[in-house]
Amino acid sequence: ASFNGNMKAVVSTQSTGDQLEQTMELFIHYSAIEMTCDAASVMAATLASGGLCPLSGEKVVYPEAVRNCLSMMNCCGVNDYSGEFMFEVGLPAKSNVSGALVVVIPNVLGMCIYSPRLDRSRNSVRGIQLCKLFTDRFVFHQFDPTDRAKDKVDPRRKDFTETKDQQSLILLFASFNGNMTTLYRYLKEGINFGYPDYDGRTALHLAVCGGQLEVVKFLIEKCHVDVNPVD
C-alpha cells in the first residue's frame, strides 16, 4: 500500500511564491512512500504508544507530534467521511486510495486494514465496516461510557489478561519461532523472561534450540536472563 499525505493540508501550510515548488516536491515524495500492512501496523502502534516503536522500544516520534498527528487523523483522516466515522467509530484513522486503512487506539494498539474496494469517499469499504464492527464489539470508541456498556467487551479488564502459565507458554513459543514482536511486548509489560515451564525450560533454552540468534542476543542483552539456566 502506498500512503500519501493530505494534499490540501500540505499545500495550505506553504502555498506562497517560490515555496509552491518545494511543497509539491515534498508532497510527491510523501506519495512515493510504500509499505506493507505489517509495516503500517507498526507505524500505527508507534502512534498508539506515544511515539515508542513497539519492536525496539525506542522513542522515534516526539509525543507532541503524535498528539498533533492523531488530532489530524481524528478530524480529517478518512476524507469526507471523517465526521461520520468519528461519530460511529470514534478512533483516529487514516485512509488511502489503495484500500489501506490505518487505525489507532491510543495506549492500546495500532492496526492496518487492507481491502481495495473503495466507497464514494475513497475509503476502503470493508475497512470501514470492520472498524464499525470492532467498536460495536469492544469498548474502544473514544466516548464510550467509563462504566462499560454491558453488551461490549473490554480486553483491558483484569479478567481478560493472560495468566502466568499462559504468558510462559506464549513466551516459549515466541522464543522458539523468533517472534520478536511478542517478545518486545512482553519486555514492555515487565514479564519475567526467566520463568520456566513444567520441564524447567526457559525462553533462552527454546531460542537456542530453535537457532534464533537474534532472540538469544535479545534475551541476554536486553532482558538480562541467566545464561546458565538448569532444566
Protein backbone atom coordinates (compact mmCIF):
# COMPACT_ATOMS: atom_id res chain seq x y z
CA ALA A 1 0.00 0.00 0.00
CA SER A 2 1.28 3.47 -0.84
CA PHE A 3 0.47 6.09 1.79
CA ASN A 4 0.33 9.75 0.86
CA GLY A 5 -0.44 12.85 2.85
CA ASN A 6 -3.41 15.17 2.60
CA MET A 7 -2.53 17.44 -0.31
CA LYS A 8 -4.78 20.27 0.83
CA ALA A 9 -3.23 20.24 4.29
CA VAL A 10 0.30 20.26 2.91
CA VAL A 11 -0.27 22.95 0.32
CA SER A 12 -2.14 25.22 2.73
CA THR A 13 0.88 25.40 5.01
CA GLN A 14 3.27 26.51 2.26
CA SER A 15 1.48 27.91 -0.74
CA THR A 16 3.13 31.24 -1.45
CA GLY A 17 5.59 32.20 -4.18
CA ASP A 18 8.75 30.13 -4.50
CA GLN A 19 7.60 27.70 -1.83
CA LEU A 20 4.97 26.13 -4.07
CA GLU A 21 7.51 24.05 -5.99
CA GLN A 22 9.11 22.84 -2.76
CA THR A 23 5.70 21.99 -1.37
CA MET A 24 4.73 19.95 -4.42
CA GLU A 25 8.09 18.17 -4.36
CA LEU A 26 7.53 17.30 -0.70
CA PHE A 27 4.03 16.03 -1.47
CA ILE A 28 5.30 13.83 -4.32
CA HIS A 29 7.98 12.38 -2.03
CA TYR A 30 5.33 11.53 0.56
CA SER A 31 3.16 9.98 -2.14
CA ALA A 32 6.05 7.72 -3.21
CA ILE A 33 6.45 6.10 0.22
CA GLU A 34 5.47 2.43 0.11
CA MET A 35 4.99 -0.03 2.94
CA THR A 36 3.39 -3.36 3.71
CA CYS A 37 0.40 -3.82 6.01
CA ASP A 38 2.79 -5.14 8.66
CA ALA A 39 4.93 -2.01 8.46
CA ALA A 40 1.85 0.23 8.53
CA SER A 41 0.56 -1.56 11.63
CA VAL A 42 3.91 -0.93 13.35
CA MET A 43 3.59 2.73 12.40
CA ALA A 44 0.07 2.79 13.89
CA ALA A 45 1.25 1.02 17.03
CA THR A 46 4.03 3.60 17.39
CA LEU A 47 1.42 6.36 17.39
CA ALA A 48 -0.70 4.36 19.84
CA SER A 49 2.23 4.13 22.27
CA GLY A 50 3.01 7.84 22.19
CA GLY A 51 5.94 7.59 19.79
CA LEU A 52 7.64 4.43 21.09
CA CYS A 53 8.38 1.80 18.46
CA PRO A 54 6.79 -1.49 19.62
CA LEU A 55 9.57 -3.55 18.03
CA SER A 56 12.56 -1.79 19.56
CA GLY A 57 11.13 0.15 22.49
CA GLU A 58 12.90 3.27 21.21
CA LYS A 59 11.28 6.70 21.01
CA VAL A 60 11.07 7.51 17.31
CA VAL A 61 8.38 10.23 17.34
CA TYR A 62 8.04 13.15 19.75
CA PRO A 63 4.86 12.97 21.91
CA GLU A 64 3.78 16.41 20.68
CA ALA A 65 4.00 15.21 17.07
CA VAL A 66 1.95 12.10 17.97
CA ARG A 67 -0.73 14.28 19.56
CA ASN A 68 -0.89 16.54 16.51
CA CYS A 69 -0.95 13.62 14.11
CA LEU A 70 -3.77 11.83 15.95
CA SER A 71 -5.74 15.08 16.13
CA MET A 72 -5.48 15.47 12.35
CA MET A 73 -6.46 11.82 11.86
CA ASN A 74 -9.49 12.42 14.07
CA CYS A 75 -10.78 15.41 12.13
CA CYS A 76 -9.90 14.59 8.51
CA GLY A 77 -8.22 11.18 8.29
CA VAL A 78 -10.90 9.46 6.20
CA ASN A 79 -11.72 12.27 3.78
CA ASP A 80 -15.34 13.46 3.54
CA TYR A 81 -16.47 10.62 5.79
CA SER A 82 -14.36 11.80 8.76
CA GLY A 83 -17.22 13.35 10.73
CA GLU A 84 -19.46 10.31 10.45
CA PHE A 85 -16.53 7.98 11.11
CA MET A 86 -15.75 9.87 14.31
CA PHE A 87 -19.39 9.63 15.32
CA GLU A 88 -19.75 5.89 14.61
CA VAL A 89 -16.25 4.55 15.27
CA GLY A 90 -14.61 7.23 17.39
CA LEU A 91 -10.98 6.37 16.64
CA PRO A 92 -8.13 8.20 14.84
CA ALA A 93 -7.71 6.72 11.36
CA LYS A 94 -6.06 7.46 8.01
CA SER A 95 -7.31 6.01 4.76
CA ASN A 96 -5.60 5.66 1.40
CA VAL A 97 -6.80 5.22 -2.17
CA SER A 98 -5.02 1.86 -2.38
CA GLY A 99 -7.60 0.49 0.06
CA ALA A 100 -5.46 0.64 3.20
CA LEU A 101 -6.82 1.99 6.46
CA VAL A 102 -4.62 2.70 9.48
CA VAL A 103 -6.43 2.83 12.83
CA VAL A 104 -5.00 3.87 16.20
CA ILE A 105 -6.37 3.07 19.65
CA PRO A 106 -4.25 5.29 21.92
CA ASN A 107 -2.39 3.41 24.67
CA VAL A 108 -3.74 0.09 23.36
CA LEU A 109 -2.85 -0.86 19.78
CA GLY A 110 -2.49 0.16 16.16
CA MET A 111 -3.63 -1.78 13.11
CA CYS A 112 -3.70 -1.63 9.33
CA ILE A 113 -6.66 -2.99 7.39
CA TYR A 114 -6.37 -3.58 3.64
CA SER A 115 -9.21 -4.14 1.22
CA PRO A 116 -9.01 -2.41 -2.19
CA ARG A 117 -12.70 -1.73 -2.94
CA LEU A 118 -13.45 1.95 -2.24
CA ASP A 119 -16.62 3.85 -1.40
CA ARG A 120 -17.64 7.32 -2.63
CA SER A 121 -15.35 8.95 -0.08
CA ARG A 122 -12.41 6.89 -1.42
CA ASN A 123 -12.15 4.81 1.74
CA SER A 124 -11.93 1.04 1.97
CA VAL A 125 -15.49 -0.33 2.11
CA ARG A 126 -14.64 -3.38 4.19
CA GLY A 127 -12.10 -1.45 6.25
CA ILE A 128 -14.80 0.98 7.38
CA GLN A 129 -17.21 -1.90 8.05
CA LEU A 130 -14.61 -3.71 10.16
CA CYS A 131 -13.98 -0.59 12.24
CA LYS A 132 -17.70 -0.27 12.95
CA LEU A 133 -17.94 -3.92 13.96
CA PHE A 134 -14.81 -3.53 16.07
CA THR A 135 -16.13 -0.67 18.19
CA ASP A 136 -19.58 -2.27 18.34
CA ARG A 137 -17.94 -5.30 19.93
CA PHE A 138 -15.23 -3.68 22.06
CA VAL A 139 -15.21 -0.62 24.37
CA PHE A 140 -12.80 1.42 22.25
CA HIS A 141 -14.90 4.32 20.96
CA GLN A 142 -13.34 7.45 22.47
CA PHE A 143 -16.66 8.41 24.04
CA ASP A 144 -17.87 5.05 25.29
CA PRO A 145 -19.12 5.38 28.89
CA THR A 146 -16.47 4.72 31.51
CA ASP A 147 -18.64 2.21 33.33
CA ARG A 148 -18.54 -0.02 30.22
CA ALA A 149 -21.68 -0.98 28.38
CA LYS A 150 -22.91 -4.46 29.27
CA ASP A 151 -23.06 -5.53 25.64
CA LYS A 152 -19.43 -4.62 24.92
CA VAL A 153 -16.15 -6.32 25.79
CA ASP A 154 -13.17 -4.51 27.32
CA PRO A 155 -10.00 -6.59 26.72
CA ARG A 156 -8.12 -4.28 29.10
CA ARG A 157 -10.06 -5.56 32.08
CA LYS A 158 -8.16 -7.68 34.57
CA ASP A 159 -10.25 -10.78 33.95
CA PHE A 160 -9.18 -10.72 30.28
CA THR A 161 -5.45 -10.71 30.97
CA GLU A 162 -3.24 -13.75 30.46
CA THR A 163 -2.35 -15.99 33.38
CA LYS A 164 1.29 -16.52 34.32
CA ASP A 165 1.25 -20.00 32.78
CA GLN A 166 -0.28 -18.67 29.56
CA GLN A 167 2.36 -15.97 29.36
CA SER A 168 5.09 -18.55 29.90
CA LEU A 169 3.75 -20.74 27.10
CA ILE A 170 3.41 -17.84 24.67
CA LEU A 171 6.89 -16.62 25.61
CA LEU A 172 8.45 -20.02 24.94
CA PHE A 173 6.75 -20.37 21.55
CA ALA A 174 7.76 -16.82 20.60
CA SER A 175 11.38 -17.51 21.56
CA PHE A 176 11.49 -20.75 19.58
CA ASN A 177 9.87 -19.20 16.48
CA GLY A 178 11.70 -15.87 16.65
CA ASN A 179 8.59 -13.75 17.17
CA MET A 180 10.28 -10.50 18.18
CA THR A 181 7.03 -8.51 18.26
CA THR A 182 5.68 -10.64 21.11
CA LEU A 183 9.00 -10.57 22.94
CA TYR A 184 9.24 -6.78 22.83
CA ARG A 185 5.64 -6.51 24.02
CA TYR A 186 6.37 -8.75 26.98
CA LEU A 187 9.53 -6.78 27.74
CA LYS A 188 7.48 -3.60 27.86
CA GLU A 189 4.98 -5.30 30.20
CA GLY A 190 7.76 -6.37 32.56
CA ILE A 191 7.29 -10.11 32.10
CA ASN A 192 9.86 -12.41 33.75
CA PHE A 193 11.80 -13.91 30.83
CA GLY A 194 13.48 -16.41 33.11
CA TYR A 195 10.22 -18.08 34.19
CA PRO A 196 10.47 -21.81 33.32
CA ASP A 197 7.82 -24.26 32.14
CA TYR A 198 6.96 -27.58 33.86
CA ASP A 199 10.19 -29.11 32.50
CA GLY A 200 12.36 -26.25 33.69
CA ARG A 201 12.91 -24.93 30.16
CA THR A 202 13.24 -21.18 29.76
CA ALA A 203 12.94 -18.82 26.81
CA LEU A 204 16.71 -19.00 26.36
CA HIS A 205 16.59 -22.81 26.08
CA LEU A 206 13.96 -22.62 23.35
CA ALA A 207 15.69 -19.81 21.46
CA VAL A 208 18.93 -21.83 21.32
CA CYS A 209 17.06 -24.98 20.25
CA GLY A 210 15.31 -23.04 17.52
CA GLY A 211 18.51 -21.47 16.26
CA GLN A 212 17.17 -17.97 16.90
CA LEU A 213 20.38 -15.96 17.32
CA GLU A 214 18.55 -12.62 17.36
CA VAL A 215 16.31 -13.85 20.19
CA VAL A 216 19.32 -15.14 22.14
CA LYS A 217 21.01 -11.74 21.91
CA PHE A 218 17.75 -10.04 22.89
CA LEU A 219 17.29 -12.24 25.97
CA ILE A 220 20.86 -11.77 27.15
CA GLU A 221 21.44 -8.12 26.31
CA LYS A 222 18.01 -6.57 26.89
CA CYS A 223 16.31 -8.99 29.31
CA HIS A 224 19.47 -9.95 31.22
CA VAL A 225 18.37 -13.56 31.67
CA ASP A 226 20.51 -16.17 33.41
CA VAL A 227 22.86 -17.58 30.77
CA ASN A 228 23.27 -20.84 32.70
CA PRO A 229 19.71 -21.99 33.40
CA VAL A 230 19.24 -25.60 34.50
CA ASP A 231 16.32 -27.62 33.16
